[in-house]
Amino acid sequence: MGRYEVQLFDSWSVKAPKYSDCGGIYERWDEARGPGKQGYEGHAPLANASRAPGLWQHLHIEFQAPRFDAAGKKRQRPNS
């Protein structure tokens, strides 16, 4: 869809992962939204998936695009 970015980070030992940690979906950024509101629509992972340094790991991502009605209004949130 061109709207989401996923990167893998070493987030080992992070207690409360944010959108910028391993498995998160980065925020979109718009300077026009004003100070403190530029970042939006990012999502933190449900759990910290990072293993200790030196251990192999994999990440499974499930994504469902949002659905819209004929007028273009979002009628179903992703993964709901």
PDB file of N, CA and C in Angstrom:
ATOM      1  N   MET A   1       0.816  -1.205   0.000  1.00  0.00           N
ATOM      2  CA  MET A   1       0.000   0.000   0.000  1.00  0.00           C
ATOM      3  C   MET A   1       0.852   1.257   0.000  1.00  0.00           C
ATOM      4  N   GLY A   2       2.135   1.125   0.312  1.00  0.00           N
ATOM      5  CA  GLY A   2       3.007   2.287   0.304  1.00  0.00           C
ATOM      6  C   GLY A   2       2.833   3.209   1.496  1.00  0.00           C
ATOM      7  N   ARG A   3       2.144   2.768   2.542  1.00  0.00           N
ATOM      8  CA  ARG A   3       1.891   3.640   3.684  1.00  0.00           C
ATOM      9  C   ARG A   3       2.571   3.162   4.954  1.00  0.00           C
ATOM     10  N   TYR A   4       3.121   1.962   4.952  1.00  0.00           N
ATOM     11  CA  TYR A   4       3.639   1.377   6.177  1.00  0.00           C
ATOM     12  C   TYR A   4       5.090   0.968   5.990  1.00  0.00           C
ATOM     13  N   GLU A   5       5.827   1.026   7.078  1.00  0.00           N
ATOM     14  CA  GLU A   5       7.233   0.637   7.040  1.00  0.00           C
ATOM     15  C   GLU A   5       7.498  -0.261   8.244  1.00  0.00           C
ATOM     16  N   VAL A   6       8.128  -1.381   8.002  1.00  0.00           N
ATOM     17  CA  VAL A   6       8.490  -2.288   9.077  1.00  0.00           C
ATOM     18  C   VAL A   6       9.996  -2.505   9.015  1.00  0.00           C
ATOM     19  N   GLN A   7      10.658  -2.326  10.143  1.00  0.00           N
ATOM     20  CA  GLN A   7      12.089  -2.583  10.226  1.00  0.00           C
ATOM     21  C   GLN A   7      12.332  -3.470  11.429  1.00  0.00           C
ATOM     22  N   LEU A   8      13.399  -4.242  11.372  1.00  0.00           N
ATOM     23  CA  LEU A   8      13.772  -5.086  12.500  1.00  0.00           C
ATOM     24  C   LEU A   8      14.901  -4.415  13.269  1.00  0.00           C
ATOM     25  N   PHE A   9      14.679  -4.236  14.541  1.00  0.00           N
ATOM     26  CA  PHE A   9      15.677  -3.623  15.401  1.00  0.00           C
ATOM     27  C   PHE A   9      16.041  -4.573  16.526  1.00  0.00           C
ATOM     28  N   ASP A  10      17.203  -4.374  17.093  1.00  0.00           N
ATOM     29  CA  ASP A  10      17.599  -5.108  18.278  1.00  0.00           C
ATOM     30  C   ASP A  10      16.950  -4.424  19.473  1.00  0.00           C
ATOM     31  N   SER A  11      15.789  -4.892  19.858  1.00  0.00           N
ATOM     32  CA  SER A  11      15.049  -4.309  20.974  1.00  0.00           C
ATOM     33  C   SER A  11      15.105  -5.207  22.200  1.00  0.00           C
ATOM     34  N   TRP A  12      16.141  -6.045  22.265  1.00  0.00           N
ATOM     35  CA  TRP A  12      16.292  -6.949  23.396  1.00  0.00           C
ATOM     36  C   TRP A  12      16.220  -6.157  24.709  1.00  0.00           C
ATOM     37  N   SER A  13      15.441  -6.625  25.636  1.00  0.00           N
ATOM     38  CA  SER A  13      15.251  -6.102  26.996  1.00  0.00           C
ATOM     39  C   SER A  13      14.379  -4.852  27.072  1.00  0.00           C
ATOM     40  N   VAL A  14      13.796  -4.402  25.968  1.00  0.00           N
ATOM     41  CA  VAL A  14      12.868  -3.272  26.022  1.00  0.00           C
ATOM     42  C   VAL A  14      11.576  -3.760  26.678  1.00  0.00           C
ATOM     43  N   LYS A  15      11.170  -3.122  27.763  1.00  0.00           N
ATOM     44  CA  LYS A  15       9.994  -3.575  28.527  1.00  0.00           C
ATOM     45  C   LYS A  15       8.669  -3.165  27.870  1.00  0.00           C
ATOM     46  N   ALA A  16       8.601  -1.975  27.305  1.00  0.00           N
ATOM     47  CA  ALA A  16       7.370  -1.478  26.681  1.00  0.00           C
ATOM     48  C   ALA A  16       7.698  -1.019  25.259  1.00  0.00           C
ATOM     49  N   PRO A  17       7.665  -1.935  24.281  1.00  0.00           N
ATOM     50  CA  PRO A  17       8.054  -1.565  22.911  1.00  0.00           C
ATOM     51  C   PRO A  17       7.148  -0.494  22.311  1.00  0.00           C
ATOM     52  N   LYS A  18       7.766   0.365  21.511  1.00  0.00           N
ATOM     53  CA  LYS A  18       7.048   1.432  20.809  1.00  0.00           C
ATOM     54  C   LYS A  18       7.052   1.133  19.312  1.00  0.00           C
ATOM     55  N   TYR A  19       6.432   2.000  18.540  1.00  0.00           N
ATOM     56  CA  TYR A  19       6.362   1.830  17.084  1.00  0.00           C
ATOM     57  C   TYR A  19       7.742   1.707  16.462  1.00  0.00           C
ATOM     58  N   SER A  20       8.758   2.257  17.118  1.00  0.00           N
ATOM     59  CA  SER A  20      10.114   2.257  16.558  1.00  0.00           C
ATOM     60  C   SER A  20      10.932   1.047  16.981  1.00  0.00           C
ATOM     61  N   ASP A  21      10.349   0.131  17.747  1.00  0.00           N
ATOM     62  CA  ASP A  21      11.078  -1.064  18.177  1.00  0.00           C
ATOM     63  C   ASP A  21      10.831  -2.228  17.217  1.00  0.00           C
ATOM     64  N   CYS A  22      11.493  -3.338  17.474  1.00  0.00           N
ATOM     65  CA  CYS A  22      11.408  -4.523  16.624  1.00  0.00           C
ATOM     66  C   CYS A  22       9.959  -4.953  16.425  1.00  0.00           C
ATOM     67  N   GLY A  23       9.529  -5.003  15.177  1.00  0.00           N
ATOM     68  CA  GLY A  23       8.181  -5.440  14.846  1.00  0.00           C
ATOM     69  C   GLY A  23       7.149  -4.333  14.804  1.00  0.00           C
ATOM     70  N   GLY A  24       7.537  -3.115  15.133  1.00  0.00           N
ATOM     71  CA  GLY A  24       6.590  -2.000  15.120  1.00  0.00           C
ATOM     72  C   GLY A  24       6.333  -1.476  13.719  1.00  0.00           C
ATOM     73  N   ILE A  25       5.272  -0.729  13.579  1.00  0.00           N
ATOM     74  CA  ILE A  25       4.963  -0.046  12.315  1.00  0.00           C
ATOM     75  C   ILE A  25       5.242   1.432  12.541  1.00  0.00           C
ATOM     76  N   TYR A  26       6.181   1.945  11.770  1.00  0.00           N
ATOM     77  CA  TYR A  26       6.608   3.336  11.927  1.00  0.00           C
ATOM     78  C   TYR A  26       5.462   4.312  11.757  1.00  0.00           C
ATOM     79  N   GLU A  27       5.580   5.422  12.460  1.00  0.00           N
ATOM     80  CA  GLU A  27       4.611   6.501  12.300  1.00  0.00           C
ATOM     81  C   GLU A  27       4.779   7.166  10.935  1.00  0.00           C
ATOM     82  N   ARG A  28       3.687   7.683  10.424  1.00  0.00           N
ATOM     83  CA  ARG A  28       3.765   8.575   9.266  1.00  0.00           C
ATOM     84  C   ARG A  28       4.112   9.944   9.823  1.00  0.00           C
ATOM     85  N   TRP A  29       4.665  10.817   9.016  1.00  0.00           N
ATOM     86  CA  TRP A  29       5.150  12.100   9.501  1.00  0.00           C
ATOM     87  C   TRP A  29       4.650  13.221   8.603  1.00  0.00           C
ATOM     88  N   ASP A  30       4.078  14.258   9.221  1.00  0.00           N
ATOM     89  CA  ASP A  30       3.575  15.401   8.462  1.00  0.00           C
ATOM     90  C   ASP A  30       3.812  16.666   9.286  1.00  0.00           C
ATOM     91  N   GLU A  31       4.773  17.468   8.851  1.00  0.00           N
ATOM     92  CA  GLU A  31       5.103  18.716   9.562  1.00  0.00           C
ATOM     93  C   GLU A  31       3.906  19.658   9.662  1.00  0.00           C
ATOM     94  N   ALA A  32       2.985  19.603   8.699  1.00  0.00           N
ATOM     95  CA  ALA A  32       1.831  20.500   8.678  1.00  0.00           C
ATOM     96  C   ALA A  32       0.870  20.254   9.844  1.00  0.00           C
ATOM     97  N   ARG A  33       0.997  19.120  10.524  1.00  0.00           N
ATOM     98  CA  ARG A  33       0.110  18.809  11.648  1.00  0.00           C
ATOM     99  C   ARG A  33       0.444  19.617  12.895  1.00  0.00           C
ATOM    100  N   GLY A  34       1.625  20.238  12.922  1.00  0.00           N
ATOM    101  CA  GLY A  34       2.010  21.079  14.049  1.00  0.00           C
ATOM    102  C   GLY A  34       2.880  20.362  15.060  1.00  0.00           C
ATOM    103  N   PRO A  35       3.538  21.139  15.932  1.00  0.00           N
ATOM    104  CA  PRO A  35       4.458  20.581  16.923  1.00  0.00           C
ATOM    105  C   PRO A  35       3.785  19.546  17.834  1.00  0.00           C
ATOM    106  N   GLY A  36       4.474  18.421  18.001  1.00  0.00           N
ATOM    107  CA  GLY A  36       3.964  17.360  18.856  1.00  0.00           C
ATOM    108  C   GLY A  36       2.905  16.481  18.224  1.00  0.00           C
ATOM    109  N   LYS A  37       2.470  16.819  17.011  1.00  0.00           N
ATOM    110  CA  LYS A  37       1.427  16.044  16.333  1.00  0.00           C
ATOM    111  C   LYS A  37       1.876  15.523  14.974  1.00  0.00           C
ATOM    112  N   GLN A  38       3.160  15.731  14.642  1.00  0.00           N
ATOM    113  CA  GLN A  38       3.657  15.356  13.316  1.00  0.00           C
ATOM    114  C   GLN A  38       3.579  13.858  13.068  1.00  0.00           C
ATOM    115  N   GLY A  39       3.870  13.042  14.070  1.00  0.00           N
ATOM    116  CA  GLY A  39       3.843  11.592  13.905  1.00  0.00           C
ATOM    117  C   GLY A  39       2.455  11.038  14.184  1.00  0.00           C
ATOM    118  N   TYR A  40       1.974  10.151  13.295  1.00  0.00           N
ATOM    119  CA  TYR A  40       0.646   9.564  13.472  1.00  0.00           C
ATOM    120  C   TYR A  40       0.562   8.214  12.775  1.00  0.00           C
ATOM    121  N   GLU A  41      -0.407   7.410  13.162  1.00  0.00           N
ATOM    122  CA  GLU A  41      -0.718   6.102  12.593  1.00  0.00           C
ATOM    123  C   GLU A  41       0.355   5.035  12.822  1.00  0.00           C
ATOM    124  N   GLY A  42       1.308   5.254  13.701  1.00  0.00           N
ATOM    125  CA  GLY A  42       2.276   4.213  14.018  1.00  0.00           C
ATOM    126  C   GLY A  42       1.680   3.230  15.016  1.00  0.00           C
ATOM    127  N   HIS A  43       2.205   2.021  15.038  1.00  0.00           N
ATOM    128  CA  HIS A  43       1.703   1.000  15.959  1.00  0.00           C
ATOM    129  C   HIS A  43       2.860   0.226  16.565  1.00  0.00           C
ATOM    130  N   ALA A  44       2.813   0.095  17.865  1.00  0.00           N
ATOM    131  CA  ALA A  44       3.817  -0.700  18.564  1.00  0.00           C
ATOM    132  C   ALA A  44       3.497  -2.178  18.384  1.00  0.00           C
ATOM    133  N   PRO A  45       4.499  -3.053  18.456  1.00  0.00           N
ATOM    134  CA  PRO A  45       4.223  -4.490  18.401  1.00  0.00           C
ATOM    135  C   PRO A  45       3.459  -4.906  19.661  1.00  0.00           C
ATOM    136  N   LEU A  46       2.698  -5.979  19.575  1.00  0.00           N
ATOM    137  CA  LEU A  46       1.942  -6.459  20.737  1.00  0.00           C
ATOM    138  C   LEU A  46       2.861  -7.016  21.818  1.00  0.00           C
ATOM    139  N   ALA A  47       4.033  -7.466  21.434  1.00  0.00           N
ATOM    140  CA  ALA A  47       5.005  -8.005  22.389  1.00  0.00           C
ATOM    141  C   ALA A  47       6.403  -7.757  21.848  1.00  0.00           C
ATOM    142  N   ASN A  48       7.378  -7.773  22.727  1.00  0.00           N
ATOM    143  CA  ASN A  48       8.764  -7.631  22.306  1.00  0.00           C
ATOM    144  C   ASN A  48       9.232  -8.981  21.759  1.00  0.00           C
ATOM    145  N   ALA A  49       9.457  -9.033  20.471  1.00  0.00           N
ATOM    146  CA  ALA A  49       9.827 -10.286  19.810  1.00  0.00           C
ATOM    147  C   ALA A  49      11.337 -10.530  19.786  1.00  0.00           C
ATOM    148  N   SER A  50      12.111  -9.588  20.276  1.00  0.00           N
ATOM    149  CA  SER A  50      13.567  -9.711  20.197  1.00  0.00           C
ATOM    150  C   SER A  50      14.110 -10.753  21.164  1.00  0.00           C
ATOM    151  N   ARG A  51      14.995 -11.578  20.649  1.00  0.00           N
ATOM    152  CA  ARG A  51      15.694 -12.551  21.490  1.00  0.00           C
ATOM    153  C   ARG A  51      17.040 -11.981  21.884  1.00  0.00           C
ATOM    154  N   ALA A  52      17.675 -12.657  22.796  1.00  0.00           N
ATOM    155  CA  ALA A  52      18.982 -12.205  23.282  1.00  0.00           C
ATOM    156  C   ALA A  52      19.992 -12.155  22.135  1.00  0.00           C
ATOM    157  N   PRO A  53      20.964 -11.270  22.228  1.00  0.00           N
ATOM    158  CA  PRO A  53      21.993 -11.189  21.188  1.00  0.00           C
ATOM    159  C   PRO A  53      22.623 -12.557  20.922  1.00  0.00           C
ATOM    160  N   GLY A  54      22.797 -12.885  19.632  1.00  0.00           N
ATOM    161  CA  GLY A  54      23.410 -14.141  19.226  1.00  0.00           C
ATOM    162  C   GLY A  54      22.426 -15.259  18.941  1.00  0.00           C
ATOM    163  N   LEU A  55      21.151 -15.077  19.286  1.00  0.00           N
ATOM    164  CA  LEU A  55      20.145 -16.107  19.026  1.00  0.00           C
ATOM    165  C   LEU A  55      19.400 -15.796  17.733  1.00  0.00           C
ATOM    166  N   TRP A  56      19.148 -16.838  16.929  1.00  0.00           N
ATOM    167  CA  TRP A  56      18.384 -16.668  15.697  1.00  0.00           C
ATOM    168  C   TRP A  56      16.925 -16.434  16.045  1.00  0.00           C
ATOM    169  N   GLN A  57      16.261 -15.662  15.236  1.00  0.00           N
ATOM    170  CA  GLN A  57      14.836 -15.416  15.436  1.00  0.00           C
ATOM    171  C   GLN A  57      14.185 -15.126  14.102  1.00  0.00           C
ATOM    172  N   HIS A  58      12.859 -15.192  14.072  1.00  0.00           N
ATOM    173  CA  HIS A  58      12.105 -14.817  12.883  1.00  0.00           C
ATOM    174  C   HIS A  58      10.885 -14.034  13.328  1.00  0.00           C
ATOM    175  N   LEU A  59      10.286 -13.322  12.409  1.00  0.00           N
ATOM    176  CA  LEU A  59       9.130 -12.480  12.708  1.00  0.00           C
ATOM    177  C   LEU A  59       8.052 -12.772  11.683  1.00  0.00           C
ATOM    178  N   HIS A  60       6.859 -13.069  12.150  1.00  0.00           N
ATOM    179  CA  HIS A  60       5.712 -13.338  11.277  1.00  0.00           C
ATOM    180  C   HIS A  60       4.811 -12.112  11.314  1.00  0.00           C
ATOM    181  N   ILE A  61       4.507 -11.547  10.158  1.00  0.00           N
ATOM    182  CA  ILE A  61       3.672 -10.345  10.074  1.00  0.00           C
ATOM    183  C   ILE A  61       2.376 -10.689   9.354  1.00  0.00           C
ATOM    184  N   GLU A  62       1.262 -10.348   9.963  1.00  0.00           N
ATOM    185  CA  GLU A  62      -0.043 -10.477   9.315  1.00  0.00           C
ATOM    186  C   GLU A  62      -0.572  -9.067   9.093  1.00  0.00           C
ATOM    187  N   PHE A  63      -1.058  -8.811   7.884  1.00  0.00           N
ATOM    188  CA  PHE A  63      -1.558  -7.482   7.552  1.00  0.00           C
ATOM    189  C   PHE A  63      -2.855  -7.602   6.780  1.00  0.00           C
ATOM    190  N   GLN A  64      -3.829  -6.816   7.179  1.00  0.00           N
ATOM    191  CA  GLN A  64      -5.078  -6.721   6.423  1.00  0.00           C
ATOM    192  C   GLN A  64      -5.295  -5.244   6.126  1.00  0.00           C
ATOM    193  N   ALA A  65      -5.397  -4.907   4.874  1.00  0.00           N
ATOM    194  CA  ALA A  65      -5.610  -3.514   4.489  1.00  0.00           C
ATOM    195  C   ALA A  65      -6.976  -3.043   4.964  1.00  0.00           C
ATOM    196  N   PRO A  66      -7.103  -1.758   5.314  1.00  0.00           N
ATOM    197  CA  PRO A  66      -8.417  -1.241   5.711  1.00  0.00           C
ATOM    198  C   PRO A  66      -9.392  -1.312   4.553  1.00  0.00           C
ATOM    199  N   ARG A  67     -10.665  -1.380   4.870  1.00  0.00           N
ATOM    200  CA  ARG A  67     -11.704  -1.435   3.846  1.00  0.00           C
ATOM    201  C   ARG A  67     -12.506  -0.143   3.870  1.00  0.00           C
ATOM    202  N   PHE A  68     -12.921   0.302   2.686  1.00  0.00           N
ATOM    203  CA  PHE A  68     -13.627   1.567   2.553  1.00  0.00           C
ATOM    204  C   PHE A  68     -14.963   1.363   1.853  1.00  0.00           C
ATOM    205  N   ASP A  69     -15.937   2.228   2.185  1.00  0.00           N
ATOM    206  CA  ASP A  69     -17.225   2.165   1.493  1.00  0.00           C
ATOM    207  C   ASP A  69     -17.138   2.957   0.187  1.00  0.00           C
ATOM    208  N   ALA A  70     -18.236   3.052  -0.541  1.00  0.00           N
ATOM    209  CA  ALA A  70     -18.251   3.716  -1.849  1.00  0.00           C
ATOM    210  C   ALA A  70     -17.895   5.199  -1.752  1.00  0.00           C
ATOM    211  N   ALA A  71     -18.153   5.820  -0.593  1.00  0.00           N
ATOM    212  CA  ALA A  71     -17.865   7.240  -0.406  1.00  0.00           C
ATOM    213  C   ALA A  71     -16.413   7.475   0.031  1.00  0.00           C
ATOM    214  N   GLY A  72     -15.654   6.397   0.204  1.00  0.00           N
ATOM    215  CA  GLY A  72     -14.262   6.529   0.611  1.00  0.00           C
ATOM    216  C   GLY A  72     -14.055   6.561   2.116  1.00  0.00           C
ATOM    217  N   LYS A  73     -15.114   6.345   2.896  1.00  0.00           N
ATOM    218  CA  LYS A  73     -15.005   6.337   4.355  1.00  0.00           C
ATOM    219  C   LYS A  73     -14.556   4.949   4.827  1.00  0.00           C
ATOM    220  N   LYS A  74     -13.596   4.939   5.751  1.00  0.00           N
ATOM    221  CA  LYS A  74     -13.109   3.676   6.269  1.00  0.00           C
ATOM    222  C   LYS A  74     -14.243   2.989   7.025  1.00  0.00           C
ATOM    223  N   ARG A  75     -14.564   1.757   6.635  1.00  0.00           N
ATOM    224  CA  ARG A  75     -15.666   1.051   7.286  1.00  0.00           C
ATOM    225  C   ARG A  75     -15.201  -0.082   8.178  1.00  0.00           C
ATOM    226  N   GLN A  76     -13.957  -0.481   8.043  1.00  0.00           N
ATOM    227  CA  GLN A  76     -13.411  -1.528   8.892  1.00  0.00           C
ATOM    228  C   GLN A  76     -11.945  -1.241   9.128  1.00  0.00           C
ATOM    229  N   ARG A  77     -11.555  -1.243  10.396  1.00  0.00           N
ATOM    230  CA  ARG A  77     -10.157  -1.046  10.734  1.00  0.00           C
ATOM    231  C   ARG A  77      -9.381  -2.317  10.409  1.00  0.00           C
ATOM    232  N   PRO A  78      -8.094  -2.166  10.080  1.00  0.00           N
ATOM    233  CA  PRO A  78      -7.282  -3.356   9.849  1.00  0.00           C
ATOM    234  C   PRO A  78      -7.249  -4.241  11.090  1.00  0.00           C
ATOM    235  N   ASN A  79      -7.271  -5.546  10.878  1.00  0.00           N
ATOM    236  CA  ASN A  79      -7.176  -6.530  11.951  1.00  0.00           C
ATOM    237  C   ASN A  79      -8.250  -6.372  13.007  1.00  0.00           C
ATOM    238  N   SER A  80      -9.437  -5.940  12.618  1.00  0.00           N
ATOM    239  CA  SER A  80     -10.534  -5.853  13.602  1.00  0.00           C
ATOM    240  C   SER A  80     -11.651  -6.780  13.201  1.00  0.00           C
TER     241      SER A  80
END
